[in-house]
Amino acid sequence: QARAPVYVIPGNKDDRTNLRTAFSPR
């Protein structure tokens, strides 16, 4: 829903593989 480009990094609760899967289309 954001009108500006979004960039994310992992925190301690995140999983790198699942994060990449979710955001790789960007």
PDB file of all heavy atoms in Angstrom:
ATOM      1  N   GLN A   1       0.815  -1.218   0.000  1.00  0.00           N
ATOM      2  CA  GLN A   1       0.000   0.000   0.000  1.00  0.00           C
ATOM      3  C   GLN A   1       0.849   1.269   0.000  1.00  0.00           C
ATOM      4  O   GLN A   1       0.328   2.369  -0.206  1.00  0.00           O
ATOM      5  CB  GLN A   1      -0.920  -0.009   1.220  1.00  0.00           C
ATOM      6  CG  GLN A   1      -1.837  -1.216   1.301  1.00  0.00           C
ATOM      7  CD  GLN A   1      -2.542  -1.333   2.648  1.00  0.00           C
ATOM      8  OE1 GLN A   1      -2.779  -0.335   3.329  1.00  0.00           O
ATOM      9  NE2 GLN A   1      -2.882  -2.547   3.040  1.00  0.00           N
ATOM     10  N   ALA A   2       2.147   1.143   0.232  1.00  0.00           N
ATOM     11  CA  ALA A   2       3.022   2.313   0.323  1.00  0.00           C
ATOM     12  C   ALA A   2       3.161   2.997  -1.028  1.00  0.00           C
ATOM     13  O   ALA A   2       3.293   2.335  -2.066  1.00  0.00           O
ATOM     14  CB  ALA A   2       4.386   1.902   0.850  1.00  0.00           C
ATOM     15  N   ARG A   3       3.184   4.320  -1.015  1.00  0.00           N
ATOM     16  CA  ARG A   3       3.328   5.103  -2.241  1.00  0.00           C
ATOM     17  C   ARG A   3       4.789   5.375  -2.589  1.00  0.00           C
ATOM     18  O   ARG A   3       5.075   5.913  -3.651  1.00  0.00           O
ATOM     19  CB  ARG A   3       2.572   6.423  -2.098  1.00  0.00           C
ATOM     20  CG  ARG A   3       1.059   6.278  -1.976  1.00  0.00           C
ATOM     21  CD  ARG A   3       0.414   7.628  -1.704  1.00  0.00           C
ATOM     22  NE  ARG A   3       0.754   8.595  -2.754  1.00  0.00           N
ATOM     23  CZ  ARG A   3       0.786   9.914  -2.573  1.00  0.00           C
ATOM     24  NH1 ARG A   3       0.540  10.418  -1.367  1.00  0.00           N
ATOM     25  NH2 ARG A   3       1.089  10.721  -3.568  1.00  0.00           N
ATOM     26  N   ALA A   4       5.705   5.027  -1.696  1.00  0.00           N
ATOM     27  CA  ALA A   4       7.138   5.194  -1.940  1.00  0.00           C
ATOM     28  C   ALA A   4       7.795   3.815  -1.981  1.00  0.00           C
ATOM     29  O   ALA A   4       7.285   2.854  -1.391  1.00  0.00           O
ATOM     30  CB  ALA A   4       7.770   6.049  -0.845  1.00  0.00           C
ATOM     31  N   PRO A   5       8.934   3.686  -2.647  1.00  0.00           N
ATOM     32  CA  PRO A   5       9.651   2.408  -2.644  1.00  0.00           C
ATOM     33  C   PRO A   5      10.027   1.995  -1.225  1.00  0.00           C
ATOM     34  O   PRO A   5      10.344   2.843  -0.382  1.00  0.00           O
ATOM     35  CB  PRO A   5      10.897   2.690  -3.488  1.00  0.00           C
ATOM     36  CG  PRO A   5      10.542   3.883  -4.320  1.00  0.00           C
ATOM     37  CD  PRO A   5       9.600   4.696  -3.494  1.00  0.00           C
ATOM     38  N   VAL A   6       9.994   0.691  -0.969  1.00  0.00           N
ATOM     39  CA  VAL A   6      10.272   0.147   0.364  1.00  0.00           C
ATOM     40  C   VAL A   6      11.481  -0.777   0.300  1.00  0.00           C
ATOM     41  O   VAL A   6      11.598  -1.611  -0.600  1.00  0.00           O
ATOM     42  CB  VAL A   6       9.058  -0.628   0.901  1.00  0.00           C
ATOM     43  CG1 VAL A   6       9.374  -1.232   2.271  1.00  0.00           C
ATOM     44  CG2 VAL A   6       7.825   0.264   0.976  1.00  0.00           C
ATOM     45  N   TYR A   7      12.373  -0.635   1.293  1.00  0.00           N
ATOM     46  CA  TYR A   7      13.532  -1.528   1.429  1.00  0.00           C
ATOM     47  C   TYR A   7      13.549  -2.071   2.851  1.00  0.00           C
ATOM     48  O   TYR A   7      13.270  -1.341   3.799  1.00  0.00           O
ATOM     49  CB  TYR A   7      14.832  -0.778   1.109  1.00  0.00           C
ATOM     50  CG  TYR A   7      14.841  -0.219  -0.288  1.00  0.00           C
ATOM     51  CD1 TYR A   7      14.522   1.120  -0.522  1.00  0.00           C
ATOM     52  CD2 TYR A   7      15.113  -1.034  -1.373  1.00  0.00           C
ATOM     53  CE1 TYR A   7      14.496   1.631  -1.806  1.00  0.00           C
ATOM     54  CE2 TYR A   7      15.083  -0.525  -2.664  1.00  0.00           C
ATOM     55  CZ  TYR A   7      14.771   0.796  -2.872  1.00  0.00           C
ATOM     56  OH  TYR A   7      14.734   1.300  -4.151  1.00  0.00           O
ATOM     57  N   VAL A   8      13.885  -3.352   2.982  1.00  0.00           N
ATOM     58  CA  VAL A   8      13.820  -4.005   4.294  1.00  0.00           C
ATOM     59  C   VAL A   8      15.155  -4.657   4.624  1.00  0.00           C
ATOM     60  O   VAL A   8      15.940  -5.015   3.735  1.00  0.00           O
ATOM     61  CB  VAL A   8      12.705  -5.076   4.330  1.00  0.00           C
ATOM     62  CG1 VAL A   8      11.356  -4.470   3.970  1.00  0.00           C
ATOM     63  CG2 VAL A   8      13.024  -6.259   3.415  1.00  0.00           C
ATOM     64  N   ILE A   9      15.409  -4.786   5.935  1.00  0.00           N
ATOM     65  CA  ILE A   9      16.538  -5.562   6.426  1.00  0.00           C
ATOM     66  C   ILE A   9      16.026  -6.511   7.510  1.00  0.00           C
ATOM     67  O   ILE A   9      14.966  -6.278   8.084  1.00  0.00           O
ATOM     68  CB  ILE A   9      17.670  -4.678   6.984  1.00  0.00           C
ATOM     69  CG1 ILE A   9      17.215  -3.918   8.235  1.00  0.00           C
ATOM     70  CG2 ILE A   9      18.176  -3.715   5.926  1.00  0.00           C
ATOM     71  CD1 ILE A   9      18.336  -3.214   8.974  1.00  0.00           C
ATOM     72  N   PRO A  10      16.762  -7.567   7.824  1.00  0.00           N
ATOM     73  CA  PRO A  10      16.293  -8.499   8.845  1.00  0.00           C
ATOM     74  C   PRO A  10      16.621  -8.025  10.254  1.00  0.00           C
ATOM     75  O   PRO A  10      17.658  -7.422  10.512  1.00  0.00           O
ATOM     76  CB  PRO A  10      17.061  -9.786   8.518  1.00  0.00           C
ATOM     77  CG  PRO A  10      18.334  -9.315   7.890  1.00  0.00           C
ATOM     78  CD  PRO A  10      17.975  -8.064   7.137  1.00  0.00           C
ATOM     79  N   GLY A  11      15.708  -8.326  11.174  1.00  0.00           N
ATOM     80  CA  GLY A  11      15.968  -8.187  12.599  1.00  0.00           C
ATOM     81  C   GLY A  11      16.119  -9.554  13.227  1.00  0.00           C
ATOM     82  O   GLY A  11      16.072 -10.588  12.533  1.00  0.00           O
ATOM     83  N   ASN A  12      16.266  -9.593  14.527  1.00  0.00           N
ATOM     84  CA  ASN A  12      16.514 -10.865  15.193  1.00  0.00           C
ATOM     85  C   ASN A  12      15.331 -11.819  15.125  1.00  0.00           C
ATOM     86  O   ASN A  12      15.493 -13.031  15.290  1.00  0.00           O
ATOM     87  CB  ASN A  12      16.903 -10.642  16.657  1.00  0.00           C
ATOM     88  CG  ASN A  12      15.934  -9.739  17.390  1.00  0.00           C
ATOM     89  OD1 ASN A  12      15.989  -8.522  17.233  1.00  0.00           O
ATOM     90  ND2 ASN A  12      15.037 -10.306  18.186  1.00  0.00           N
ATOM     91  N   LYS A  13      14.122 -11.320  14.873  1.00  0.00           N
ATOM     92  CA  LYS A  13      12.948 -12.176  14.761  1.00  0.00           C
ATOM     93  C   LYS A  13      12.715 -12.666  13.331  1.00  0.00           C
ATOM     94  O   LYS A  13      11.819 -13.482  13.089  1.00  0.00           O
ATOM     95  CB  LYS A  13      11.702 -11.428  15.238  1.00  0.00           C
ATOM     96  CG  LYS A  13      11.691 -11.100  16.727  1.00  0.00           C
ATOM     97  CD  LYS A  13      11.555 -12.361  17.564  1.00  0.00           C
ATOM     98  CE  LYS A  13      11.372 -12.030  19.031  1.00  0.00           C
ATOM     99  NZ  LYS A  13      11.244 -13.255  19.854  1.00  0.00           N
ATOM    100  N   ASP A  14      13.497 -12.177  12.396  1.00  0.00           N
ATOM    101  CA  ASP A  14      13.300 -12.529  10.995  1.00  0.00           C
ATOM    102  C   ASP A  14      14.105 -13.762  10.598  1.00  0.00           C
ATOM    103  O   ASP A  14      15.030 -14.180  11.295  1.00  0.00           O
ATOM    104  CB  ASP A  14      13.687 -11.342  10.097  1.00  0.00           C
ATOM    105  CG  ASP A  14      12.715 -10.183  10.219  1.00  0.00           C
ATOM    106  OD1 ASP A  14      11.516 -10.406   9.993  1.00  0.00           O
ATOM    107  OD2 ASP A  14      13.150  -9.069  10.559  1.00  0.00           O
ATOM    108  N   ASP A  15      13.729 -14.329   9.471  1.00  0.00           N
ATOM    109  CA  ASP A  15      14.439 -15.451   8.857  1.00  0.00           C
ATOM    110  C   ASP A  15      14.880 -15.012   7.466  1.00  0.00           C
ATOM    111  O   ASP A  15      14.052 -14.548   6.672  1.00  0.00           O
ATOM    112  CB  ASP A  15      13.522 -16.674   8.773  1.00  0.00           C
ATOM    113  CG  ASP A  15      14.154 -17.830   8.013  1.00  0.00           C
ATOM    114  OD1 ASP A  15      14.909 -18.593   8.632  1.00  0.00           O
ATOM    115  OD2 ASP A  15      13.900 -17.932   6.790  1.00  0.00           O
ATOM    116  N   ARG A  16      16.168 -15.135   7.182  1.00  0.00           N
ATOM    117  CA  ARG A  16      16.680 -14.619   5.914  1.00  0.00           C
ATOM    118  C   ARG A  16      16.010 -15.276   4.708  1.00  0.00           C
ATOM    119  O   ARG A  16      15.667 -14.603   3.731  1.00  0.00           O
ATOM    120  CB  ARG A  16      18.194 -14.816   5.837  1.00  0.00           C
ATOM    121  CG  ARG A  16      18.988 -14.003   6.855  1.00  0.00           C
ATOM    122  CD  ARG A  16      20.480 -14.170   6.637  1.00  0.00           C
ATOM    123  NE  ARG A  16      21.272 -13.481   7.657  1.00  0.00           N
ATOM    124  CZ  ARG A  16      21.754 -14.057   8.749  1.00  0.00           C
ATOM    125  NH1 ARG A  16      21.536 -15.360   8.948  1.00  0.00           N
ATOM    126  NH2 ARG A  16      22.450 -13.367   9.625  1.00  0.00           N
ATOM    127  N   THR A  17      15.836 -16.590   4.756  1.00  0.00           N
ATOM    128  CA  THR A  17      15.256 -17.300   3.609  1.00  0.00           C
ATOM    129  C   THR A  17      13.824 -16.864   3.360  1.00  0.00           C
ATOM    130  O   THR A  17      13.439 -16.533   2.225  1.00  0.00           O
ATOM    131  CB  THR A  17      15.318 -18.815   3.828  1.00  0.00           C
ATOM    132  OG1 THR A  17      16.690 -19.215   3.962  1.00  0.00           O
ATOM    133  CG2 THR A  17      14.690 -19.562   2.655  1.00  0.00           C
ATOM    134  N   ASN A  18      13.009 -16.847   4.401  1.00  0.00           N
ATOM    135  CA  ASN A  18      11.615 -16.456   4.226  1.00  0.00           C
ATOM    136  C   ASN A  18      11.486 -14.973   3.883  1.00  0.00           C
ATOM    137  O   ASN A  18      10.593 -14.581   3.127  1.00  0.00           O
ATOM    138  CB  ASN A  18      10.818 -16.782   5.490  1.00  0.00           C
ATOM    139  CG  ASN A  18      10.563 -18.277   5.632  1.00  0.00           C
ATOM    140  OD1 ASN A  18      10.748 -19.038   4.691  1.00  0.00           O
ATOM    141  ND2 ASN A  18      10.142 -18.696   6.816  1.00  0.00           N
ATOM    142  N   LEU A  19      12.382 -14.149   4.421  1.00  0.00           N
ATOM    143  CA  LEU A  19      12.368 -12.725   4.064  1.00  0.00           C
ATOM    144  C   LEU A  19      12.671 -12.561   2.575  1.00  0.00           C
ATOM    145  O   LEU A  19      11.986 -11.807   1.874  1.00  0.00           O
ATOM    146  CB  LEU A  19      13.368 -11.965   4.930  1.00  0.00           C
ATOM    147  CG  LEU A  19      13.457 -10.446   4.756  1.00  0.00           C
ATOM    148  CD1 LEU A  19      13.852  -9.789   6.068  1.00  0.00           C
ATOM    149  CD2 LEU A  19      14.470 -10.057   3.680  1.00  0.00           C
ATOM    150  N   ARG A  20      13.704 -13.266   2.095  1.00  0.00           N
ATOM    151  CA  ARG A  20      14.034 -13.168   0.668  1.00  0.00           C
ATOM    152  C   ARG A  20      12.884 -13.656  -0.205  1.00  0.00           C
ATOM    153  O   ARG A  20      12.565 -13.050  -1.230  1.00  0.00           O
ATOM    154  CB  ARG A  20      15.290 -13.980   0.358  1.00  0.00           C
ATOM    155  CG  ARG A  20      16.588 -13.301   0.725  1.00  0.00           C
ATOM    156  CD  ARG A  20      17.737 -13.978  -0.003  1.00  0.00           C
ATOM    157  NE  ARG A  20      19.013 -13.498   0.492  1.00  0.00           N
ATOM    158  CZ  ARG A  20      19.683 -14.067   1.494  1.00  0.00           C
ATOM    159  NH1 ARG A  20      19.193 -15.136   2.085  1.00  0.00           N
ATOM    160  NH2 ARG A  20      20.832 -13.574   1.885  1.00  0.00           N
ATOM    161  N   THR A  21      12.270 -14.748   0.187  1.00  0.00           N
ATOM    162  CA  THR A  21      11.151 -15.279  -0.594  1.00  0.00           C
ATOM    163  C   THR A  21      10.029 -14.253  -0.689  1.00  0.00           C
ATOM    164  O   THR A  21       9.437 -14.052  -1.761  1.00  0.00           O
ATOM    165  CB  THR A  21      10.630 -16.572   0.043  1.00  0.00           C
ATOM    166  OG1 THR A  21      11.673 -17.556   0.057  1.00  0.00           O
ATOM    167  CG2 THR A  21       9.444 -17.116  -0.732  1.00  0.00           C
ATOM    168  N   ALA A  22       9.752 -13.583   0.420  1.00  0.00           N
ATOM    169  CA  ALA A  22       8.652 -12.616   0.451  1.00  0.00           C
ATOM    170  C   ALA A  22       8.954 -11.364  -0.358  1.00  0.00           C
ATOM    171  O   ALA A  22       8.079 -10.831  -1.048  1.00  0.00           O
ATOM    172  CB  ALA A  22       8.335 -12.246   1.899  1.00  0.00           C
ATOM    173  N   PHE A  23      10.215 -10.890  -0.292  1.00  0.00           N
ATOM    174  CA  PHE A  23      10.535  -9.585  -0.869  1.00  0.00           C
ATOM    175  C   PHE A  23      11.392  -9.661  -2.132  1.00  0.00           C
ATOM    176  O   PHE A  23      11.710  -8.622  -2.703  1.00  0.00           O
ATOM    177  CB  PHE A  23      11.229  -8.718   0.186  1.00  0.00           C
ATOM    178  CG  PHE A  23      10.331  -8.306   1.311  1.00  0.00           C
ATOM    179  CD1 PHE A  23      10.344  -8.997   2.511  1.00  0.00           C
ATOM    180  CD2 PHE A  23       9.449  -7.253   1.162  1.00  0.00           C
ATOM    181  CE1 PHE A  23       9.513  -8.635   3.552  1.00  0.00           C
ATOM    182  CE2 PHE A  23       8.592  -6.880   2.195  1.00  0.00           C
ATOM    183  CZ  PHE A  23       8.620  -7.573   3.387  1.00  0.00           C
ATOM    184  N   SER A  24      11.745 -10.848  -2.580  1.00  0.00           N
ATOM    185  CA  SER A  24      12.592 -10.971  -3.766  1.00  0.00           C
ATOM    186  C   SER A  24      11.976 -10.365  -5.023  1.00  0.00           C
ATOM    187  O   SER A  24      12.723  -9.877  -5.890  1.00  0.00           O
ATOM    188  CB  SER A  24      12.955 -12.442  -4.022  1.00  0.00           C
ATOM    189  OG  SER A  24      11.795 -13.216  -4.219  1.00  0.00           O
ATOM    190  N   PRO A  25      10.634 -10.368  -5.203  1.00  0.00           N
ATOM    191  CA  PRO A  25      10.089  -9.727  -6.409  1.00  0.00           C
ATOM    192  C   PRO A  25      10.450  -8.255  -6.548  1.00  0.00           C
ATOM    193  O   PRO A  25      10.363  -7.692  -7.649  1.00  0.00           O
ATOM    194  CB  PRO A  25       8.572  -9.917  -6.248  1.00  0.00           C
ATOM    195  CG  PRO A  25       8.431 -11.138  -5.406  1.00  0.00           C
ATOM    196  CD  PRO A  25       9.569 -11.049  -4.432  1.00  0.00           C
ATOM    197  N   ARG A  26      10.872  -7.611  -5.465  1.00  0.00           N
ATOM    198  CA  ARG A  26      11.233  -6.188  -5.543  1.00  0.00           C
ATOM    199  C   ARG A  26      12.607  -5.973  -6.159  1.00  0.00           C
ATOM    200  O   ARG A  26      12.963  -4.849  -6.493  1.00  0.00           O
ATOM    201  CB  ARG A  26      11.140  -5.552  -4.152  1.00  0.00           C
ATOM    202  CG  ARG A  26       9.710  -5.592  -3.616  1.00  0.00           C
ATOM    203  CD  ARG A  26       9.603  -5.106  -2.191  1.00  0.00           C
ATOM    204  NE  ARG A  26       8.233  -5.246  -1.723  1.00  0.00           N
ATOM    205  CZ  ARG A  26       7.401  -4.240  -1.486  1.00  0.00           C
ATOM    206  NH1 ARG A  26       7.802  -3.004  -1.689  1.00  0.00           N
ATOM    207  NH2 ARG A  26       6.188  -4.457  -1.067  1.00  0.00           N
TER     208      ARG A  26
END
